[in-house]
Amino acid sequence: MEILKSYQRHEDISNLQAENQQLKDALSKLQQAYEDAVGIYDMFTNMASISQIMSLGDFKQQMKTTIDKWGNVLKISFERANA
């Protein structure tokens, strides 16, 4: 009986360690996305004029959203805008 309890504890610990690693990976991806967004925000807020912002055609994207009749977002896609 003691061996069974020990095995179950070991299995629980292994499962928690795997879940912990998945959460760390997800957090790392979120932190990278946040840092990217802050970098882009800082770049735009440090620009002196609208003409400088408009010259950044490579950053322009169109966001297309597909919504069902109840207002639920089904799909979001990004496409480069033709500038």
N, C-alpha and C. Protein backbone atom coordinates (compact mmCIF):
# COMPACT_ATOMS: atom_id res chain seq x y z
N MET A 1 0.82 -1.19 0.00
CA MET A 1 0.00 0.00 0.00
C MET A 1 0.86 1.26 0.00
N GLU A 2 1.94 1.23 0.75
CA GLU A 2 2.85 2.38 0.84
C GLU A 2 3.53 2.63 -0.51
N ILE A 3 3.84 1.56 -1.19
CA ILE A 3 4.48 1.68 -2.51
C ILE A 3 3.54 2.35 -3.49
N LEU A 4 2.24 2.01 -3.43
CA LEU A 4 1.25 2.60 -4.31
C LEU A 4 1.12 4.11 -4.04
N LYS A 5 1.09 4.49 -2.76
CA LYS A 5 0.99 5.91 -2.42
C LYS A 5 2.24 6.66 -2.90
N SER A 6 3.39 6.06 -2.73
CA SER A 6 4.63 6.68 -3.18
C SER A 6 4.64 6.86 -4.69
N TYR A 7 4.16 5.85 -5.41
CA TYR A 7 4.09 5.93 -6.88
C TYR A 7 3.13 7.03 -7.31
N GLN A 8 1.98 7.14 -6.64
CA GLN A 8 0.99 8.17 -6.98
C GLN A 8 1.56 9.57 -6.72
N ARG A 9 2.27 9.75 -5.62
CA ARG A 9 2.90 11.04 -5.31
C ARG A 9 3.92 11.39 -6.39
N HIS A 10 4.70 10.39 -6.77
CA HIS A 10 5.71 10.62 -7.80
C HIS A 10 5.03 11.02 -9.12
N GLU A 11 3.96 10.35 -9.46
CA GLU A 11 3.22 10.66 -10.68
C GLU A 11 2.61 12.06 -10.60
N ASP A 12 2.05 12.42 -9.45
CA ASP A 12 1.49 13.76 -9.25
C ASP A 12 2.57 14.83 -9.41
N ILE A 13 3.72 14.58 -8.82
CA ILE A 13 4.83 15.54 -8.93
C ILE A 13 5.26 15.69 -10.38
N SER A 14 5.35 14.60 -11.10
CA SER A 14 5.74 14.65 -12.51
C SER A 14 4.73 15.44 -13.33
N ASN A 15 3.45 15.22 -13.06
CA ASN A 15 2.41 15.97 -13.77
C ASN A 15 2.48 17.46 -13.46
N LEU A 16 2.70 17.79 -12.21
CA LEU A 16 2.81 19.20 -11.82
C LEU A 16 4.05 19.86 -12.43
N GLN A 17 5.14 19.11 -12.49
CA GLN A 17 6.35 19.66 -13.11
C GLN A 17 6.14 19.92 -14.60
N ALA A 18 5.44 19.02 -15.28
CA ALA A 18 5.16 19.21 -16.71
C ALA A 18 4.24 20.41 -16.91
N GLU A 19 3.22 20.53 -16.09
CA GLU A 19 2.30 21.67 -16.19
C GLU A 19 3.03 22.98 -15.89
N ASN A 20 3.91 22.95 -14.90
CA ASN A 20 4.70 24.12 -14.55
C ASN A 20 5.56 24.57 -15.73
N GLN A 21 6.17 23.62 -16.43
CA GLN A 21 7.01 23.95 -17.58
C GLN A 21 6.16 24.54 -18.70
N GLN A 22 4.96 24.01 -18.93
CA GLN A 22 4.07 24.56 -19.95
C GLN A 22 3.68 25.99 -19.61
N LEU A 23 3.40 26.24 -18.35
CA LEU A 23 3.03 27.59 -17.93
C LEU A 23 4.21 28.55 -18.07
N LYS A 24 5.42 28.08 -17.77
CA LYS A 24 6.61 28.92 -17.95
C LYS A 24 6.80 29.27 -19.42
N ASP A 25 6.59 28.30 -20.31
CA ASP A 25 6.73 28.54 -21.75
C ASP A 25 5.69 29.56 -22.23
N ALA A 26 4.45 29.41 -21.78
CA ALA A 26 3.39 30.33 -22.16
C ALA A 26 3.69 31.74 -21.64
N LEU A 27 4.17 31.83 -20.42
CA LEU A 27 4.53 33.13 -19.84
C LEU A 27 5.67 33.78 -20.63
N SER A 28 6.63 33.00 -21.02
CA SER A 28 7.75 33.52 -21.80
C SER A 28 7.26 34.11 -23.13
N LYS A 29 6.34 33.41 -23.79
CA LYS A 29 5.80 33.92 -25.06
C LYS A 29 5.01 35.21 -24.84
N LEU A 30 4.24 35.26 -23.76
CA LEU A 30 3.48 36.48 -23.45
C LEU A 30 4.41 37.64 -23.13
N GLN A 31 5.48 37.37 -22.39
CA GLN A 31 6.43 38.43 -22.06
C GLN A 31 7.10 38.96 -23.33
N GLN A 32 7.44 38.08 -24.26
CA GLN A 32 8.07 38.51 -25.51
C GLN A 32 7.10 39.36 -26.33
N ALA A 33 5.84 38.95 -26.40
CA ALA A 33 4.84 39.73 -27.13
C ALA A 33 4.65 41.10 -26.49
N TYR A 34 4.63 41.14 -25.16
CA TYR A 34 4.50 42.40 -24.45
C TYR A 34 5.68 43.32 -24.75
N GLU A 35 6.88 42.78 -24.69
CA GLU A 35 8.07 43.58 -24.97
C GLU A 35 8.06 44.11 -26.40
N ASP A 36 7.61 43.30 -27.35
CA ASP A 36 7.50 43.75 -28.73
C ASP A 36 6.49 44.89 -28.85
N ALA A 37 5.35 44.75 -28.18
CA ALA A 37 4.31 45.79 -28.23
C ALA A 37 4.80 47.09 -27.60
N VAL A 38 5.49 47.00 -26.49
CA VAL A 38 6.02 48.19 -25.83
C VAL A 38 7.06 48.87 -26.72
N GLY A 39 7.88 48.08 -27.38
CA GLY A 39 8.88 48.64 -28.29
C GLY A 39 8.24 49.41 -29.44
N ILE A 40 7.22 48.84 -30.03
CA ILE A 40 6.52 49.52 -31.13
C ILE A 40 5.82 50.77 -30.62
N TYR A 41 5.18 50.68 -29.46
CA TYR A 41 4.51 51.84 -28.87
C TYR A 41 5.51 52.96 -28.62
N ASP A 42 6.64 52.63 -28.03
CA ASP A 42 7.67 53.64 -27.76
C ASP A 42 8.17 54.27 -29.05
N MET A 43 8.33 53.46 -30.08
CA MET A 43 8.80 53.99 -31.36
C MET A 43 7.81 55.03 -31.90
N PHE A 44 6.53 54.72 -31.84
CA PHE A 44 5.53 55.65 -32.35
C PHE A 44 5.39 56.90 -31.48
N THR A 45 5.48 56.74 -30.17
CA THR A 45 5.31 57.90 -29.30
C THR A 45 6.52 58.83 -29.35
N ASN A 46 7.66 58.34 -29.80
CA ASN A 46 8.85 59.18 -29.90
C ASN A 46 8.97 59.86 -31.25
N MET A 47 8.06 59.63 -32.15
CA MET A 47 8.12 60.27 -33.46
C MET A 47 7.62 61.71 -33.36
N ALA A 48 8.25 62.57 -34.14
CA ALA A 48 7.97 64.00 -34.03
C ALA A 48 6.73 64.44 -34.80
N SER A 49 6.35 63.69 -35.82
CA SER A 49 5.23 64.16 -36.62
C SER A 49 4.46 63.01 -37.25
N ILE A 50 3.28 63.34 -37.71
CA ILE A 50 2.45 62.36 -38.42
C ILE A 50 3.14 61.90 -39.69
N SER A 51 3.85 62.79 -40.36
CA SER A 51 4.52 62.41 -41.61
C SER A 51 5.57 61.32 -41.37
N GLN A 52 6.23 61.36 -40.21
CA GLN A 52 7.18 60.29 -39.89
C GLN A 52 6.45 58.97 -39.70
N ILE A 53 5.31 59.00 -39.03
CA ILE A 53 4.53 57.78 -38.82
C ILE A 53 4.02 57.24 -40.16
N MET A 54 3.53 58.13 -41.02
CA MET A 54 3.00 57.70 -42.31
C MET A 54 4.08 57.11 -43.21
N SER A 55 5.33 57.50 -42.98
CA SER A 55 6.42 56.96 -43.81
C SER A 55 6.75 55.51 -43.47
N LEU A 56 6.17 54.99 -42.40
CA LEU A 56 6.44 53.62 -41.99
C LEU A 56 5.43 52.66 -42.62
N GLY A 57 5.35 52.66 -43.91
CA GLY A 57 4.37 51.84 -44.61
C GLY A 57 4.49 50.36 -44.30
N ASP A 58 5.69 49.89 -43.97
CA ASP A 58 5.89 48.47 -43.69
C ASP A 58 5.12 48.02 -42.45
N PHE A 59 4.81 48.95 -41.55
CA PHE A 59 4.13 48.58 -40.32
C PHE A 59 2.62 48.61 -40.45
N LYS A 60 2.13 49.10 -41.56
CA LYS A 60 0.68 49.21 -41.72
C LYS A 60 0.11 47.82 -42.00
N GLN A 61 -0.92 47.50 -41.27
CA GLN A 61 -1.63 46.24 -41.48
C GLN A 61 -3.12 46.50 -41.38
N GLN A 62 -3.86 45.68 -42.06
CA GLN A 62 -5.30 45.71 -41.93
C GLN A 62 -5.71 44.51 -41.08
N MET A 63 -6.54 44.78 -40.10
CA MET A 63 -7.05 43.70 -39.27
C MET A 63 -8.45 43.36 -39.76
N LYS A 64 -8.65 42.11 -40.13
CA LYS A 64 -9.95 41.64 -40.57
C LYS A 64 -10.53 40.73 -39.50
N THR A 65 -11.75 41.03 -39.10
CA THR A 65 -12.41 40.28 -38.04
C THR A 65 -13.67 39.63 -38.59
N THR A 66 -13.83 38.34 -38.34
CA THR A 66 -15.04 37.63 -38.73
C THR A 66 -15.88 37.44 -37.47
N ILE A 67 -17.13 37.92 -37.55
CA ILE A 67 -18.03 37.89 -36.39
C ILE A 67 -19.31 37.15 -36.78
N ASP A 68 -19.83 36.31 -35.88
CA ASP A 68 -21.10 35.64 -36.16
C ASP A 68 -22.26 36.58 -35.81
N LYS A 69 -23.49 36.13 -36.06
CA LYS A 69 -24.65 37.01 -35.90
C LYS A 69 -24.92 37.39 -34.45
N TRP A 70 -24.27 36.71 -33.49
CA TRP A 70 -24.44 37.06 -32.08
C TRP A 70 -23.33 37.97 -31.57
N GLY A 71 -22.41 38.33 -32.45
CA GLY A 71 -21.32 39.22 -32.06
C GLY A 71 -20.09 38.52 -31.53
N ASN A 72 -20.02 37.20 -31.65
CA ASN A 72 -18.85 36.46 -31.21
C ASN A 72 -17.77 36.53 -32.29
N VAL A 73 -16.54 36.78 -31.87
CA VAL A 73 -15.42 36.84 -32.81
C VAL A 73 -15.03 35.41 -33.18
N LEU A 74 -15.10 35.12 -34.47
CA LEU A 74 -14.76 33.78 -34.94
C LEU A 74 -13.31 33.70 -35.42
N LYS A 75 -12.83 34.80 -36.04
CA LYS A 75 -11.50 34.77 -36.63
C LYS A 75 -10.96 36.19 -36.73
N ILE A 76 -9.68 36.34 -36.46
CA ILE A 76 -9.00 37.61 -36.65
C ILE A 76 -7.78 37.32 -37.51
N SER A 77 -7.61 38.09 -38.59
CA SER A 77 -6.45 37.91 -39.43
C SER A 77 -5.86 39.29 -39.75
N PHE A 78 -4.59 39.30 -40.06
CA PHE A 78 -3.89 40.53 -40.39
C PHE A 78 -3.32 40.40 -41.79
N GLU A 79 -3.47 41.47 -42.56
CA GLU A 79 -2.92 41.52 -43.91
C GLU A 79 -2.17 42.83 -44.07
N ARG A 80 -1.14 42.82 -44.86
CA ARG A 80 -0.41 44.05 -45.15
C ARG A 80 -1.31 44.98 -45.95
N ALA A 81 -1.34 46.23 -45.56
CA ALA A 81 -2.14 47.23 -46.26
C ALA A 81 -1.35 47.74 -47.45
N ASN A 82 -2.03 48.03 -48.54
CA ASN A 82 -1.38 48.60 -49.71
C ASN A 82 -1.28 50.11 -49.51
N ALA A 83 -0.07 50.59 -49.32
CA ALA A 83 0.11 52.03 -49.08
C ALA A 83 0.81 52.69 -50.25
